[in-house]
Amino acid sequence: MDIQYFVISFTSIFSILNPFGAIPIFISLTENYPEKERLLIAKKTVVYALSILLAFALFGEYILKFFGISIDAFKVGGGILLMLIALDMARGRQESKIQKKEIKEAYEVDEIALMPLATPLLAGPGSITAVMVAMTEAPSFEDKILVIVAILLALLITYISLVFSEKIMERLGKLGARILTRLMGLILMAIAAQMIISGYIGVIK
């Protein structure tokens, strides 16, 4: 059981989930709902995102094998995708993962929670790639369990962030949220670079 691997996995997943960046969107989508329904939306959003990420974490390796894709090739491709996301985060140019049309169409609690909040905002291509790589690269069964724990912990923090979104936004402000997003972008950039290098070495060998 490698605690360092757990820390790397958690940092990667948490950085891409970026709960502080999701707070403004969550507030804008739920501002007209009473407190009880807002809490329900936060709960369902995290449950849906967890279901999606666990599905890819548990069965992602089989999906790769089905399409004949090696883990090293996936690490290179996934690392490039994460690098692009990290660059946008670090430069403060991260575009919203949801479209205005989707916001207008999301009226009911379940619709808002599933789409666009759970996916693609939280469980998007970046986070799906991160959990798949973390699981397939885990050196032992115990480390795979740690990856699942990392997913649970990251989404638990995300849930807490959504529940207390208004208070957090008041404390951080838009500037504070942007600074945190850029810091997470820098961390994610380093993780993506390591992923690309590791995958490239594996492909060459």
C-alpha atoms as a PDB file:
ATOM      1  CA  MET A   1       0.000   0.000   0.000  1.00  0.00           C
ATOM      2  CA  ASP A   2       1.625   3.223  -1.231  1.00  0.00           C
ATOM      3  CA  ILE A   3       0.453   6.378   0.573  1.00  0.00           C
ATOM      4  CA  GLN A   4       2.395   8.520  -1.893  1.00  0.00           C
ATOM      5  CA  TYR A   5       0.382   6.991  -4.754  1.00  0.00           C
ATOM      6  CA  PHE A   6      -2.814   7.834  -2.866  1.00  0.00           C
ATOM      7  CA  VAL A   7      -1.704  11.459  -2.465  1.00  0.00           C
ATOM      8  CA  ILE A   8      -0.860  11.757  -6.177  1.00  0.00           C
ATOM      9  CA  SER A   9      -4.162  10.147  -7.203  1.00  0.00           C
ATOM     10  CA  PHE A  10      -6.178  12.352  -4.859  1.00  0.00           C
ATOM     11  CA  THR A  11      -4.393  15.526  -5.947  1.00  0.00           C
ATOM     12  CA  SER A  12      -4.971  14.742  -9.619  1.00  0.00           C
ATOM     13  CA  ILE A  13      -8.665  13.907  -9.198  1.00  0.00           C
ATOM     14  CA  PHE A  14      -9.356  16.807  -6.829  1.00  0.00           C
ATOM     15  CA  SER A  15      -7.589  19.327  -9.079  1.00  0.00           C
ATOM     16  CA  ILE A  16      -9.684  18.343 -12.088  1.00  0.00           C
ATOM     17  CA  LEU A  17     -12.943  18.255 -10.130  1.00  0.00           C
ATOM     18  CA  ASN A  18     -12.062  21.789  -9.012  1.00  0.00           C
ATOM     19  CA  PRO A  19     -14.989  22.216  -6.575  1.00  0.00           C
ATOM     20  CA  PHE A  20     -14.143  25.888  -5.998  1.00  0.00           C
ATOM     21  CA  GLY A  21     -14.490  26.529  -9.707  1.00  0.00           C
ATOM     22  CA  ALA A  22     -17.839  24.690  -9.716  1.00  0.00           C
ATOM     23  CA  ILE A  23     -19.284  26.846  -6.914  1.00  0.00           C
ATOM     24  CA  PRO A  24     -20.273  29.892  -9.068  1.00  0.00           C
ATOM     25  CA  ILE A  25     -22.031  27.654 -11.605  1.00  0.00           C
ATOM     26  CA  PHE A  26     -23.829  25.733  -8.848  1.00  0.00           C
ATOM     27  CA  ILE A  27     -25.013  28.996  -7.285  1.00  0.00           C
ATOM     28  CA  SER A  28     -26.257  30.384 -10.610  1.00  0.00           C
ATOM     29  CA  LEU A  29     -28.214  27.206 -11.389  1.00  0.00           C
ATOM     30  CA  THR A  30     -29.809  26.861  -7.951  1.00  0.00           C
ATOM     31  CA  GLU A  31     -30.341  30.462  -6.853  1.00  0.00           C
ATOM     32  CA  ASN A  32     -34.116  30.275  -7.419  1.00  0.00           C
ATOM     33  CA  TYR A  33     -34.548  27.062  -5.427  1.00  0.00           C
ATOM     34  CA  PRO A  34     -35.350  26.869  -1.686  1.00  0.00           C
ATOM     35  CA  GLU A  35     -32.604  25.691   0.676  1.00  0.00           C
ATOM     36  CA  LYS A  36     -34.016  22.150   0.980  1.00  0.00           C
ATOM     37  CA  GLU A  37     -33.965  21.589  -2.785  1.00  0.00           C
ATOM     38  CA  ARG A  38     -30.506  23.135  -3.155  1.00  0.00           C
ATOM     39  CA  LEU A  39     -29.140  20.625  -0.648  1.00  0.00           C
ATOM     40  CA  LEU A  40     -30.893  17.826  -2.542  1.00  0.00           C
ATOM     41  CA  ILE A  41     -29.346  19.012  -5.817  1.00  0.00           C
ATOM     42  CA  ALA A  42     -25.884  19.076  -4.198  1.00  0.00           C
ATOM     43  CA  LYS A  43     -26.382  15.536  -2.871  1.00  0.00           C
ATOM     44  CA  LYS A  44     -27.660  14.131  -6.167  1.00  0.00           C
ATOM     45  CA  THR A  45     -24.934  15.894  -8.147  1.00  0.00           C
ATOM     46  CA  VAL A  46     -22.206  14.210  -6.109  1.00  0.00           C
ATOM     47  CA  VAL A  47     -23.961  10.816  -6.171  1.00  0.00           C
ATOM     48  CA  TYR A  48     -24.306  10.939  -9.969  1.00  0.00           C
ATOM     49  CA  ALA A  49     -20.690  12.086 -10.411  1.00  0.00           C
ATOM     50  CA  LEU A  50     -19.499   9.326  -8.069  1.00  0.00           C
ATOM     51  CA  SER A  51     -21.434   6.685 -10.031  1.00  0.00           C
ATOM     52  CA  ILE A  52     -19.920   7.830 -13.325  1.00  0.00           C
ATOM     53  CA  LEU A  53     -16.350   8.006 -12.018  1.00  0.00           C
ATOM     54  CA  LEU A  54     -16.556   4.655 -10.218  1.00  0.00           C
ATOM     55  CA  ALA A  55     -17.935   3.010 -13.350  1.00  0.00           C
ATOM     56  CA  PHE A  56     -14.937   4.185 -15.397  1.00  0.00           C
ATOM     57  CA  ALA A  57     -12.513   3.459 -12.550  1.00  0.00           C
ATOM     58  CA  LEU A  58     -13.706  -0.141 -12.221  1.00  0.00           C
ATOM     59  CA  PHE A  59     -14.314  -0.968 -15.886  1.00  0.00           C
ATOM     60  CA  GLY A  60     -12.011   1.493 -17.658  1.00  0.00           C
ATOM     61  CA  GLU A  61      -9.229  -1.080 -18.052  1.00  0.00           C
ATOM     62  CA  TYR A  62     -11.606  -3.483 -19.806  1.00  0.00           C
ATOM     63  CA  ILE A  63     -12.801  -0.676 -22.081  1.00  0.00           C
ATOM     64  CA  LEU A  64      -9.202  -0.013 -23.115  1.00  0.00           C
ATOM     65  CA  LYS A  65      -8.584  -3.712 -23.761  1.00  0.00           C
ATOM     66  CA  PHE A  66     -11.763  -3.948 -25.824  1.00  0.00           C
ATOM     67  CA  PHE A  67     -10.513  -1.191 -28.134  1.00  0.00           C
ATOM     68  CA  GLY A  68      -6.950  -2.553 -28.123  1.00  0.00           C
ATOM     69  CA  ILE A  69      -5.492   0.546 -26.438  1.00  0.00           C
ATOM     70  CA  SER A  70      -2.439   0.107 -24.215  1.00  0.00           C
ATOM     71  CA  ILE A  71      -2.299   1.888 -20.881  1.00  0.00           C
ATOM     72  CA  ASP A  72       0.891   3.678 -21.968  1.00  0.00           C
ATOM     73  CA  ALA A  73      -0.798   5.066 -25.076  1.00  0.00           C
ATOM     74  CA  PHE A  74      -3.777   6.107 -22.971  1.00  0.00           C
ATOM     75  CA  LYS A  75      -1.456   7.820 -20.482  1.00  0.00           C
ATOM     76  CA  VAL A  76       0.118   9.859 -23.284  1.00  0.00           C
ATOM     77  CA  GLY A  77      -3.260  10.842 -24.751  1.00  0.00           C
ATOM     78  CA  GLY A  78      -4.844  11.408 -21.361  1.00  0.00           C
ATOM     79  CA  GLY A  79      -1.800  13.358 -20.182  1.00  0.00           C
ATOM     80  CA  ILE A  80      -2.073  15.695 -23.162  1.00  0.00           C
ATOM     81  CA  LEU A  81      -5.776  16.243 -22.414  1.00  0.00           C
ATOM     82  CA  LEU A  82      -5.022  16.973 -18.749  1.00  0.00           C
ATOM     83  CA  MET A  83      -2.190  19.298 -19.780  1.00  0.00           C
ATOM     84  CA  LEU A  84      -4.564  21.343 -21.940  1.00  0.00           C
ATOM     85  CA  ILE A  85      -7.049  21.575 -19.062  1.00  0.00           C
ATOM     86  CA  ALA A  86      -4.238  22.503 -16.643  1.00  0.00           C
ATOM     87  CA  LEU A  87      -2.938  25.229 -18.978  1.00  0.00           C
ATOM     88  CA  ASP A  88      -6.382  26.819 -19.156  1.00  0.00           C
ATOM     89  CA  MET A  89      -6.723  26.631 -15.369  1.00  0.00           C
ATOM     90  CA  ALA A  90      -3.254  28.065 -14.726  1.00  0.00           C
ATOM     91  CA  ARG A  91      -3.763  30.930 -17.188  1.00  0.00           C
ATOM     92  CA  GLY A  92      -7.233  31.686 -15.880  1.00  0.00           C
ATOM     93  CA  ARG A  93      -8.749  30.954 -19.257  1.00  0.00           C
ATOM     94  CA  GLN A  94     -10.776  27.900 -18.311  1.00  0.00           C
ATOM     95  CA  GLU A  95     -14.006  28.003 -20.249  1.00  0.00           C
ATOM     96  CA  SER A  96     -17.205  26.752 -18.694  1.00  0.00           C
ATOM     97  CA  LYS A  97     -17.763  23.062 -19.413  1.00  0.00           C
ATOM     98  CA  ILE A  98     -21.469  23.716 -19.762  1.00  0.00           C
ATOM     99  CA  GLN A  99     -23.293  25.655 -22.423  1.00  0.00           C
ATOM    100  CA  LYS A 100     -25.870  28.404 -21.919  1.00  0.00           C
ATOM    101  CA  LYS A 101     -28.392  26.238 -23.747  1.00  0.00           C
ATOM    102  CA  GLU A 102     -27.925  23.470 -21.168  1.00  0.00           C
ATOM    103  CA  ILE A 103     -28.434  25.942 -18.319  1.00  0.00           C
ATOM    104  CA  LYS A 104     -31.702  27.162 -19.820  1.00  0.00           C
ATOM    105  CA  GLU A 105     -32.960  23.618 -20.355  1.00  0.00           C
ATOM    106  CA  ALA A 106     -32.084  22.399 -16.837  1.00  0.00           C
ATOM    107  CA  TYR A 107     -35.271  23.012 -14.866  1.00  0.00           C
ATOM    108  CA  GLU A 108     -35.952  20.000 -12.672  1.00  0.00           C
ATOM    109  CA  VAL A 109     -33.830  18.952  -9.705  1.00  0.00           C
ATOM    110  CA  ASP A 110     -32.738  15.647 -11.267  1.00  0.00           C
ATOM    111  CA  GLU A 111     -31.952  17.286 -14.597  1.00  0.00           C
ATOM    112  CA  ILE A 112     -29.772  19.963 -13.005  1.00  0.00           C
ATOM    113  CA  ALA A 113     -27.994  17.429 -10.787  1.00  0.00           C
ATOM    114  CA  LEU A 114     -27.247  14.975 -13.593  1.00  0.00           C
ATOM    115  CA  MET A 115     -26.607  17.434 -16.391  1.00  0.00           C
ATOM    116  CA  PRO A 116     -24.879  19.820 -16.456  1.00  0.00           C
ATOM    117  CA  LEU A 117     -23.582  19.614 -12.854  1.00  0.00           C
ATOM    118  CA  ALA A 118     -22.583  15.939 -12.430  1.00  0.00           C
ATOM    119  CA  THR A 119     -21.570  15.671 -16.064  1.00  0.00           C
ATOM    120  CA  PRO A 120     -19.814  17.326 -17.758  1.00  0.00           C
ATOM    121  CA  LEU A 121     -18.951  19.803 -14.971  1.00  0.00           C
ATOM    122  CA  LEU A 122     -17.581  17.285 -12.432  1.00  0.00           C
ATOM    123  CA  ALA A 123     -17.390  13.900 -14.168  1.00  0.00           C
ATOM    124  CA  GLY A 124     -16.053  15.192 -17.467  1.00  0.00           C
ATOM    125  CA  PRO A 125     -13.359  13.871 -19.830  1.00  0.00           C
ATOM    126  CA  GLY A 126     -10.552  15.118 -17.584  1.00  0.00           C
ATOM    127  CA  SER A 127     -11.719  13.493 -14.354  1.00  0.00           C
ATOM    128  CA  ILE A 128     -12.706  10.287 -16.157  1.00  0.00           C
ATOM    129  CA  THR A 129      -9.212  10.108 -17.683  1.00  0.00           C
ATOM    130  CA  ALA A 130      -7.607  10.717 -14.279  1.00  0.00           C
ATOM    131  CA  VAL A 131      -9.482   7.911 -12.509  1.00  0.00           C
ATOM    132  CA  MET A 132      -8.928   5.447 -15.355  1.00  0.00           C
ATOM    133  CA  VAL A 133      -5.183   6.103 -15.444  1.00  0.00           C
ATOM    134  CA  ALA A 134      -4.921   5.977 -11.636  1.00  0.00           C
ATOM    135  CA  MET A 135      -6.705   2.617 -11.488  1.00  0.00           C
ATOM    136  CA  THR A 136      -4.911   0.936 -14.388  1.00  0.00           C
ATOM    137  CA  GLU A 137      -1.508   2.193 -13.166  1.00  0.00           C
ATOM    138  CA  ALA A 138      -2.068   1.133  -9.531  1.00  0.00           C
ATOM    139  CA  PRO A 139       0.708  -1.372  -8.660  1.00  0.00           C
ATOM    140  CA  SER A 140      -1.429  -3.503  -6.332  1.00  0.00           C
ATOM    141  CA  PHE A 141      -5.025  -4.271  -5.346  1.00  0.00           C
ATOM    142  CA  GLU A 142      -4.547  -2.231  -2.159  1.00  0.00           C
ATOM    143  CA  ASP A 143      -3.507   0.765  -4.258  1.00  0.00           C
ATOM    144  CA  LYS A 144      -6.652   0.390  -6.380  1.00  0.00           C
ATOM    145  CA  ILE A 145      -8.660   0.577  -3.155  1.00  0.00           C
ATOM    146  CA  LEU A 146      -6.754   3.764  -2.292  1.00  0.00           C
ATOM    147  CA  VAL A 147      -7.745   5.264  -5.663  1.00  0.00           C
ATOM    148  CA  ILE A 148     -11.404   4.596  -4.870  1.00  0.00           C
ATOM    149  CA  VAL A 149     -10.871   6.195  -1.449  1.00  0.00           C
ATOM    150  CA  ALA A 150      -9.292   9.189  -3.224  1.00  0.00           C
ATOM    151  CA  ILE A 151     -12.375   9.516  -5.456  1.00  0.00           C
ATOM    152  CA  LEU A 152     -14.683   9.326  -2.422  1.00  0.00           C
ATOM    153  CA  LEU A 153     -12.643  11.889  -0.484  1.00  0.00           C
ATOM    154  CA  ALA A 154     -12.460  14.311  -3.420  1.00  0.00           C
ATOM    155  CA  LEU A 155     -16.223  14.118  -3.963  1.00  0.00           C
ATOM    156  CA  LEU A 156     -16.894  14.447  -0.226  1.00  0.00           C
ATOM    157  CA  ILE A 157     -14.985  17.736  -0.220  1.00  0.00           C
ATOM    158  CA  THR A 158     -16.878  18.729  -3.372  1.00  0.00           C
ATOM    159  CA  TYR A 159     -20.194  17.998  -1.652  1.00  0.00           C
ATOM    160  CA  ILE A 160     -19.220  20.096   1.372  1.00  0.00           C
ATOM    161  CA  SER A 161     -18.155  22.896  -0.977  1.00  0.00           C
ATOM    162  CA  LEU A 162     -21.521  22.853  -2.760  1.00  0.00           C
ATOM    163  CA  VAL A 163     -23.511  22.743   0.494  1.00  0.00           C
ATOM    164  CA  PHE A 164     -21.646  25.771   1.831  1.00  0.00           C
ATOM    165  CA  SER A 165     -21.185  27.353  -1.605  1.00  0.00           C
ATOM    166  CA  GLU A 166     -22.607  30.773  -0.742  1.00  0.00           C
ATOM    167  CA  LYS A 167     -20.535  31.124   2.437  1.00  0.00           C
ATOM    168  CA  ILE A 168     -17.377  29.968   0.651  1.00  0.00           C
ATOM    169  CA  MET A 169     -18.012  32.422  -2.191  1.00  0.00           C
ATOM    170  CA  GLU A 170     -18.487  35.253   0.288  1.00  0.00           C
ATOM    171  CA  ARG A 171     -15.162  34.444   1.950  1.00  0.00           C
ATOM    172  CA  LEU A 172     -13.141  33.744  -1.177  1.00  0.00           C
ATOM    173  CA  GLY A 173     -14.727  36.126  -3.616  1.00  0.00           C
ATOM    174  CA  LYS A 174     -14.238  35.724  -7.366  1.00  0.00           C
ATOM    175  CA  LEU A 175     -10.547  36.648  -7.100  1.00  0.00           C
ATOM    176  CA  GLY A 176      -9.855  34.034  -4.425  1.00  0.00           C
ATOM    177  CA  ALA A 177     -11.639  31.339  -6.420  1.00  0.00           C
ATOM    178  CA  ARG A 178      -9.559  32.217  -9.490  1.00  0.00           C
ATOM    179  CA  ILE A 179      -6.306  32.089  -7.514  1.00  0.00           C
ATOM    180  CA  LEU A 180      -7.157  28.621  -6.146  1.00  0.00           C
ATOM    181  CA  THR A 181      -8.085  27.435  -9.632  1.00  0.00           C
ATOM    182  CA  ARG A 182      -4.726  28.619 -10.988  1.00  0.00           C
ATOM    183  CA  LEU A 183      -2.816  26.911  -8.178  1.00  0.00           C
ATOM    184  CA  MET A 184      -4.639  23.638  -8.842  1.00  0.00           C
ATOM    185  CA  GLY A 185      -3.875  24.135 -12.527  1.00  0.00           C
ATOM    186  CA  LEU A 186      -0.140  24.310 -11.801  1.00  0.00           C
ATOM    187  CA  ILE A 187      -0.297  21.113  -9.739  1.00  0.00           C
ATOM    188  CA  LEU A 188      -2.308  19.355 -12.439  1.00  0.00           C
ATOM    189  CA  MET A 189       0.190  20.516 -15.071  1.00  0.00           C
ATOM    190  CA  ALA A 190       3.043  18.767 -13.249  1.00  0.00           C
ATOM    191  CA  ILE A 191       0.979  15.579 -12.861  1.00  0.00           C
ATOM    192  CA  ALA A 192       0.042  15.653 -16.571  1.00  0.00           C
ATOM    193  CA  ALA A 193       3.702  16.119 -17.585  1.00  0.00           C
ATOM    194  CA  GLN A 194       4.737  13.135 -15.476  1.00  0.00           C
ATOM    195  CA  MET A 195       1.911  11.082 -16.994  1.00  0.00           C
ATOM    196  CA  ILE A 196       3.009  11.918 -20.547  1.00  0.00           C
ATOM    197  CA  ILE A 197       6.687  11.141 -19.801  1.00  0.00           C
ATOM    198  CA  SER A 198       5.799   7.838 -18.121  1.00  0.00           C
ATOM    199  CA  GLY A 199       3.513   6.813 -20.984  1.00  0.00           C
ATOM    200  CA  TYR A 200       6.088   7.795 -23.631  1.00  0.00           C
ATOM    201  CA  ILE A 201       8.821   5.756 -21.928  1.00  0.00           C
ATOM    202  CA  GLY A 202       6.438   2.800 -21.758  1.00  0.00           C
ATOM    203  CA  VAL A 203       5.562   3.049 -25.456  1.00  0.00           C
ATOM    204  CA  ILE A 204       9.249   3.297 -26.471  1.00  0.00           C
ATOM    205  CA  LYS A 205      10.155   0.237 -24.396  1.00  0.00           C
END
